[in-house]
Amino acid sequence: MSTPVLGLPLDRESTALLCHEANRVLSSLAGERDTLPWLALSEHVRQSVRSGVDHARGNPDITPREMHENWVKFKTAAGWTYGPFKDERLKQHPCLMPYDELPHDQRLKDALFLAIVRAMT
């Protein structure tokens, strides 16, 4: 276990939770209302976040674009495709597209995620 900051251990799970919850707040500010709290997420979604944490920690020079590309690989490997709305049952997500085509608020999520992982490492 890593050194605590503000009483929080800097382990993978805590970092993943923090990344998700920060992105959930950003999503809410952007008008999205379908992002669930960490404990209400499916195991697939939690594993997606953990995978992002691992990837960022293992690649210290990674860019937000590369973070998004890694997330796309994770989702498509699990059978997900592009869809106009997030739908876990249909395995569709509106962000399964090239980074340059993402709306600005979605690109901010990748940058925020990466900044949190770096701050917690």
C-alpha atoms as a PDB file:
ATOM      1  CA  MET A   1       0.000   0.000   0.000  1.00  0.00           C
ATOM      2  CA  SER A   2       1.181   3.515  -0.788  1.00  0.00           C
ATOM      3  CA  THR A   3       1.603   6.453   1.550  1.00  0.00           C
ATOM      4  CA  PRO A   4      -1.734   7.942   2.636  1.00  0.00           C
ATOM      5  CA  VAL A   5      -2.762  11.434   1.544  1.00  0.00           C
ATOM      6  CA  LEU A   6      -5.550  13.066   3.557  1.00  0.00           C
ATOM      7  CA  GLY A   7      -6.039   9.699   5.227  1.00  0.00           C
ATOM      8  CA  LEU A   8      -6.784   7.964   1.903  1.00  0.00           C
ATOM      9  CA  PRO A   9      -4.601   5.089   0.766  1.00  0.00           C
ATOM     10  CA  LEU A  10      -3.265   5.584  -2.738  1.00  0.00           C
ATOM     11  CA  ASP A  11      -4.129   2.063  -3.822  1.00  0.00           C
ATOM     12  CA  ARG A  12      -5.655   1.141  -7.159  1.00  0.00           C
ATOM     13  CA  GLU A  13      -9.229   0.872  -5.890  1.00  0.00           C
ATOM     14  CA  SER A  14      -9.215   4.251  -4.124  1.00  0.00           C
ATOM     15  CA  THR A  15      -7.685   5.913  -7.170  1.00  0.00           C
ATOM     16  CA  ALA A  16     -10.271   4.309  -9.469  1.00  0.00           C
ATOM     17  CA  LEU A  17     -13.111   5.412  -7.210  1.00  0.00           C
ATOM     18  CA  LEU A  18     -11.765   8.981  -7.094  1.00  0.00           C
ATOM     19  CA  CYS A  19     -11.324   9.109 -10.886  1.00  0.00           C
ATOM     20  CA  HIS A  20     -14.835   7.831 -11.468  1.00  0.00           C
ATOM     21  CA  GLU A  21     -16.485  10.152  -8.967  1.00  0.00           C
ATOM     22  CA  ALA A  22     -14.622  13.215 -10.285  1.00  0.00           C
ATOM     23  CA  ASN A  23     -15.688  12.325 -13.814  1.00  0.00           C
ATOM     24  CA  ARG A  24     -19.231  11.773 -12.573  1.00  0.00           C
ATOM     25  CA  VAL A  25     -19.283  15.345 -11.226  1.00  0.00           C
ATOM     26  CA  LEU A  26     -17.892  16.638 -14.532  1.00  0.00           C
ATOM     27  CA  SER A  27     -20.569  14.650 -16.376  1.00  0.00           C
ATOM     28  CA  SER A  28     -23.268  16.142 -14.195  1.00  0.00           C
ATOM     29  CA  LEU A  29     -21.986  19.660 -14.887  1.00  0.00           C
ATOM     30  CA  ALA A  30     -22.181  18.844 -18.607  1.00  0.00           C
ATOM     31  CA  GLY A  31     -25.842  17.838 -18.217  1.00  0.00           C
ATOM     32  CA  GLU A  32     -25.402  14.066 -18.174  1.00  0.00           C
ATOM     33  CA  ARG A  33     -27.635  12.364 -15.649  1.00  0.00           C
ATOM     34  CA  ASP A  34     -26.957   8.690 -16.333  1.00  0.00           C
ATOM     35  CA  THR A  35     -23.590   8.243 -14.604  1.00  0.00           C
ATOM     36  CA  LEU A  36     -24.004   6.133 -11.487  1.00  0.00           C
ATOM     37  CA  PRO A  37     -22.000   6.358  -8.255  1.00  0.00           C
ATOM     38  CA  TRP A  38     -19.072   3.914  -7.909  1.00  0.00           C
ATOM     39  CA  LEU A  39     -20.894   1.428  -5.670  1.00  0.00           C
ATOM     40  CA  ALA A  40     -23.863   1.259  -8.069  1.00  0.00           C
ATOM     41  CA  LEU A  41     -21.720   0.469 -11.126  1.00  0.00           C
ATOM     42  CA  SER A  42     -21.570  -2.913 -12.776  1.00  0.00           C
ATOM     43  CA  GLU A  43     -18.359  -4.868 -12.294  1.00  0.00           C
ATOM     44  CA  HIS A  44     -17.550  -4.336 -15.982  1.00  0.00           C
ATOM     45  CA  VAL A  45     -17.597  -0.548 -15.597  1.00  0.00           C
ATOM     46  CA  ARG A  46     -15.553  -0.651 -12.375  1.00  0.00           C
ATOM     47  CA  GLN A  47     -13.027  -2.912 -14.115  1.00  0.00           C
ATOM     48  CA  SER A  48     -12.857  -0.461 -17.016  1.00  0.00           C
ATOM     49  CA  VAL A  49     -11.897   2.312 -14.591  1.00  0.00           C
ATOM     50  CA  ARG A  50      -9.360   0.098 -12.804  1.00  0.00           C
ATOM     51  CA  SER A  51      -7.862  -0.797 -16.166  1.00  0.00           C
ATOM     52  CA  GLY A  52      -7.494   2.903 -16.961  1.00  0.00           C
ATOM     53  CA  VAL A  53      -5.725   3.489 -13.647  1.00  0.00           C
ATOM     54  CA  ASP A  54      -3.346   0.601 -14.320  1.00  0.00           C
ATOM     55  CA  HIS A  55      -2.661   1.824 -17.850  1.00  0.00           C
ATOM     56  CA  ALA A  56      -1.958   5.396 -16.704  1.00  0.00           C
ATOM     57  CA  ARG A  57       0.309   4.214 -13.896  1.00  0.00           C
ATOM     58  CA  GLY A  58       2.217   1.924 -16.236  1.00  0.00           C
ATOM     59  CA  ASN A  59       2.674   4.630 -18.877  1.00  0.00           C
ATOM     60  CA  PRO A  60       3.720   7.842 -17.103  1.00  0.00           C
ATOM     61  CA  ASP A  61       4.042   9.836 -20.359  1.00  0.00           C
ATOM     62  CA  ILE A  62       0.628   8.850 -21.712  1.00  0.00           C
ATOM     63  CA  THR A  63      -1.629  11.543 -23.158  1.00  0.00           C
ATOM     64  CA  PRO A  64      -5.385  11.953 -22.709  1.00  0.00           C
ATOM     65  CA  ARG A  65      -5.771  10.827 -26.350  1.00  0.00           C
ATOM     66  CA  GLU A  66      -3.898   7.605 -25.593  1.00  0.00           C
ATOM     67  CA  MET A  67      -6.010   7.101 -22.463  1.00  0.00           C
ATOM     68  CA  HIS A  68      -9.134   7.326 -24.617  1.00  0.00           C
ATOM     69  CA  GLU A  69      -7.690   4.940 -27.203  1.00  0.00           C
ATOM     70  CA  ASN A  70      -6.919   2.431 -24.435  1.00  0.00           C
ATOM     71  CA  TRP A  71     -10.487   2.765 -23.093  1.00  0.00           C
ATOM     72  CA  VAL A  72     -11.872   2.170 -26.609  1.00  0.00           C
ATOM     73  CA  LYS A  73      -9.759  -1.012 -26.891  1.00  0.00           C
ATOM     74  CA  PHE A  74     -11.025  -2.214 -23.491  1.00  0.00           C
ATOM     75  CA  LYS A  75     -14.667  -1.622 -24.434  1.00  0.00           C
ATOM     76  CA  THR A  76     -14.479  -3.079 -27.949  1.00  0.00           C
ATOM     77  CA  ALA A  77     -12.647  -6.164 -26.655  1.00  0.00           C
ATOM     78  CA  ALA A  78     -15.645  -6.688 -24.360  1.00  0.00           C
ATOM     79  CA  GLY A  79     -18.039  -6.481 -27.323  1.00  0.00           C
ATOM     80  CA  TRP A  80     -19.119  -2.855 -27.040  1.00  0.00           C
ATOM     81  CA  THR A  81     -19.968  -0.734 -30.097  1.00  0.00           C
ATOM     82  CA  TYR A  82     -20.887   2.853 -30.794  1.00  0.00           C
ATOM     83  CA  GLY A  83     -24.447   3.843 -29.920  1.00  0.00           C
ATOM     84  CA  PRO A  84     -26.138   7.223 -29.452  1.00  0.00           C
ATOM     85  CA  PHE A  85     -26.740   6.500 -25.738  1.00  0.00           C
ATOM     86  CA  LYS A  86     -24.959   4.525 -23.029  1.00  0.00           C
ATOM     87  CA  ASP A  87     -26.684   1.166 -22.783  1.00  0.00           C
ATOM     88  CA  GLU A  88     -25.006  -1.631 -20.813  1.00  0.00           C
ATOM     89  CA  ARG A  89     -27.539  -4.206 -21.932  1.00  0.00           C
ATOM     90  CA  LEU A  90     -26.875  -3.488 -25.622  1.00  0.00           C
ATOM     91  CA  LYS A  91     -23.170  -2.762 -24.937  1.00  0.00           C
ATOM     92  CA  GLN A  92     -23.339   0.604 -26.684  1.00  0.00           C
ATOM     93  CA  HIS A  93     -21.603   3.865 -25.779  1.00  0.00           C
ATOM     94  CA  PRO A  94     -21.609   7.269 -27.514  1.00  0.00           C
ATOM     95  CA  CYS A  95     -17.892   7.854 -26.802  1.00  0.00           C
ATOM     96  CA  LEU A  96     -16.698   4.867 -28.819  1.00  0.00           C
ATOM     97  CA  MET A  97     -15.251   7.099 -31.501  1.00  0.00           C
ATOM     98  CA  PRO A  98     -11.898   8.654 -32.374  1.00  0.00           C
ATOM     99  CA  TYR A  99     -10.603  11.113 -29.784  1.00  0.00           C
ATOM    100  CA  ASP A 100     -10.733  14.064 -32.214  1.00  0.00           C
ATOM    101  CA  GLU A 101     -14.460  13.484 -32.719  1.00  0.00           C
ATOM    102  CA  LEU A 102     -15.287  13.562 -29.013  1.00  0.00           C
ATOM    103  CA  PRO A 103     -17.060  16.630 -27.660  1.00  0.00           C
ATOM    104  CA  HIS A 104     -14.797  18.875 -25.592  1.00  0.00           C
ATOM    105  CA  ASP A 105     -16.437  17.885 -22.282  1.00  0.00           C
ATOM    106  CA  GLN A 106     -15.707  14.220 -23.023  1.00  0.00           C
ATOM    107  CA  ARG A 107     -12.046  14.976 -23.770  1.00  0.00           C
ATOM    108  CA  LEU A 108     -11.883  16.818 -20.443  1.00  0.00           C
ATOM    109  CA  LYS A 109     -12.811  13.562 -18.696  1.00  0.00           C
ATOM    110  CA  ASP A 110      -9.716  11.859 -20.094  1.00  0.00           C
ATOM    111  CA  ALA A 111      -7.507  14.760 -18.975  1.00  0.00           C
ATOM    112  CA  LEU A 112      -9.100  14.825 -15.511  1.00  0.00           C
ATOM    113  CA  PHE A 113      -8.748  11.058 -15.110  1.00  0.00           C
ATOM    114  CA  LEU A 114      -5.077  11.234 -16.032  1.00  0.00           C
ATOM    115  CA  ALA A 115      -4.405  14.201 -13.736  1.00  0.00           C
ATOM    116  CA  ILE A 116      -5.967  12.374 -10.792  1.00  0.00           C
ATOM    117  CA  VAL A 117      -3.947   9.213 -11.392  1.00  0.00           C
ATOM    118  CA  ARG A 118      -0.760  11.270 -11.593  1.00  0.00           C
ATOM    119  CA  ALA A 119      -1.623  13.182  -8.432  1.00  0.00           C
ATOM    120  CA  MET A 120      -2.385   9.978  -6.541  1.00  0.00           C
ATOM    121  CA  THR A 121       0.813   8.184  -7.627  1.00  0.00           C
END
